[in-house]
Amino acid sequence: MRIKKYKRLLQPTALASFSLMAAPAFAQTARIEQGVTPAQVIRDYYGDNDPDDDEFSSSLVNAVSIGGMSADGGAFVGSVFRSYSKSIYSGFVWTADGGVKPVGDRDPNAPLDGSQYYTATGISADGSVIVGKAAPGISGGAAGQHAYRWTADGFVPLGSLDGNSNPFSEATAVSGDGKVIVGYVGATAGEAFRWTEDDGMQSLGWLEGRDSYGNDKALAASYDGSVIVGSALSSTDKFQAFRWTEDTGMVALPTLAASSAAQNTATATGVSWDGTIVAGHSRLGYANQAVRWVDGEIFSLGGLDGASSAPLSVANGISGNGQVIVGDIGGGSTAHGFHWTEKDGMLTVEDWLRDSGATIVGSHPGEPDRSDITASANATNEDGSVVVGQTRSGEVYIARGKGTGDTTGGGTGGTGGTGGTDGTGGTGGTGGSGTGGSGTGGNGTGGSGTGGSGTGGSGAGGPSAGGVGLITLKELGTSLSVAGAANTSVVNGLGLIANGAGSRPLDRRVSEGKFTMWVGGDWGRDDHGNRDGKLGLGEIGIGYNFGSVQLNGVAGYTQLRQNTLLGGATDVRAGYAKFELLGRLTGSQDSGLWGIITGTGLWGNTTVTRNYRVNGGLVDSSAGKTDVSGYGIRGRLQWENAVRYISPYAEISYAHTCLGAYTESGGAFAATFDKLCDDSTEARYGLDAKFPVTGQFRLIGTLEGVHRFERSGRNVTGQVVGLGAFDLGGSDYEQDWLRVGAGVEVDLLGATLSVMGNATTKGESSNAWVAANLRLAF
């Protein structure tokens, strides 16, 4: 499923495309930095308006509150601090399309004040509706912070309940079909409500025995919103889990036995899409215990390793089909996220992944199967195959393993796409039954990971697609952007075809009626910015001077490599052909204006190996192969010896290059990259110099300025298998740079050998290369 409604708002990290004639590059400037926390991404979005709050600990400043998840696990929402010191939150949405972005089309210059406060707590099955609470500067509501509904049309305040004058309200969740929103009126709790577009905000009433609302909250809704659950105060002022329907009103759910009857409390936090299974927690003895309610009866979820109970456990979310419950167990240094099914009981997220076929890093030398990676599990998708939570280090992770049960949820339509057409009707889901991917992680620094395998779909107990494993948002975003940027930069060296071995075209000129033949090559480095690459090419050419014009033809081969994250790499091997026409427009044979037209075509293939850390530190690997092709044309005017030994020139070039679509194999988080094409239009201006030292020995040099007209590259798009599509914004190109070259030319036994070193300032070009050429006239 693609989260279509959000696609136009998501433009994260940088990738660009290829250029044949003018070296495109590894992304120099990222529009949004992926290798940081969601809080830092949001602060970076707002730029200088948002301080870093360096006087506070990073655990406070970068705290994340995770909300709901879409049906296929391809999007989730949450809230972070724009400013911890001012207690100003920002709601965010993460999608596989684009990483972390503020909910809504927010102004990056929005002031940092209380009018910009908002959260994001719930998302519909298809990702088209997001809810939370917002100040007037966000949603346009009345003074205070009020529940809102966001769609592609913008923010809408939900108003308040008749007769309730409290200036605060919050939407905590939205039904799977996006039509029913639930929450409460009050600062932190108060009167539970249900909102629809037709009826507006309606009170859910209160528990039997009370004559008014208490400290009540509606926290979750079924797919169609007909069943709502949460917590409310009883007639004896105890918190009770409740289940609401229009027929029954608010009904208290049973509790476990606490240390005393006065402590018999419970909270319901989630409900299956068909409304039959409720998840939450209830006090057992002196601590909370994760539970579920089925047909009005309460059941403990037990504990780890088959224990009958789990002190300090809470359920945070439930799958759409009701068969998987996720939550937290323990606290502090003993905290874990858990994944529960009726068959397997309560497992840590790490053990669930092991059971799904993943290799997980052990945290204790004496206990290789004990891993302390996760601290929480906050939400899950339709069949429990995707879980989002936080690690012990405070990073947000996505884990993908085997699901449980079917993917038809419990809604009112058939299987297939999430939420039916445009989010209305249907049951949602990720396409019914399907085949899980498989693959083995590659080797690299830090170990190796296993992609895992399994069969998805109805009750088969495997992942619905892709491999299995756990990856943080930081690692996922970084690996995609680095791989995509490397895809861009692999043709960086192809600029040498025109501007390395192909530069100084007048040096290949011969007298009328003469042939020329040459062999040449270039070898260099491409290390500007974050790039780490090497490149080379070799060519053979032949030309003939017809008198009025000279025609040259070239055949060559180029090979280049960009090293990427954690030992990954992108390699290109390509052949090329080039035709060049030289003609004197005016002047004499020794000093005149020449016109040169060059056309180039290229065909080859590329291999991309993308490495990333998974499962607590192992290096996994996904790889793909595809074709690369391109063409370009260059026009140059050069006045030979305008000043003695100096030949100034100006040229314009255009190139169009494409990298074919490809699908990676292997690894837990393999991806498909769509076909990527880009254009490069450049103006070059400079001078060539040739100073004779002796009759056979000359010093040669080039000084050149370059301007690239494109400000940014094309977006790189694709899909992380089993998660969803991504759309990575084009990189911001360096538009101006300088090149300098110096070398020698010597006559040897009737031939001429030239060798020249080249270097550039930071730009869309290789930083240094050596060009050598041996030519013969006959």
Foldseek 3Di string as FASTA:
>chain_A
DFLVQCLVVAAWFAFFAAFQQFFFFQFQDTPFAQQDFLLVSALVLLPPQADQPVVDDCCQQRFKAWAEAAFLRQKTKTKHDSYSVQPAIFIWMQGQAHGIDTPDNDDSNDHPDQQAHWYWHEAANSRFKTKWWHHCNAQVDDHDIAIWIQGSVGIHGLDDDPPDPQRYWIFRYAANLRFKTWWARDDQFWFIWIAGPVPGTDTLAAEPLDPGFDRWIWAEAANVRQKIWWWGQDNVGAIFIWIAGPVPGTYGAFFEDELDPSQFHWTWHEAANQRQKTWWWTHHHHAIFTWMAGPRDIATLADPPRHRTAGHWIWQEAANQRFWTWWWGDDDQPIFIWIAGPVPGIDGLLVQLVVQPKLFAAPDPVCRSHHQFFRIWHYAHHFRQWTWGATSVGFIKIWGGWGAFARQRNFDADDAAACPPPSPDGRHGHGAWAFEAFFWFDAFPQATMGFGGFTGHGGRGTTRYFGTFMDTSSQVVQLVSQLSSQNRRQSSCSSCVCVPQNPPVCVQDDDAFKKKKKKKKKKAFAPFRPWGKIKMKIKIKMWHHNPQKIKMKMKMKMKMKTATPRRWIKIKIKIKMKMKMKGFPDDDPQWGKMKMKMKMKMKTKMKTKGWTATNHGHIGIWIKMWMKIKMKMKMKIWTHPPPNQKIKMKMKMKMKMKTAWIWIHHDNWTKTKHIFMWMWIKMKIWMKGWADPDPFKIKIKIKMKMFIPDQWRAWIKIAGMSRHIYTHHTRGFDGIKIKMKIWMWGDDPQKIKIKMKMAMDRGSHGGIMIMIMIMHMD
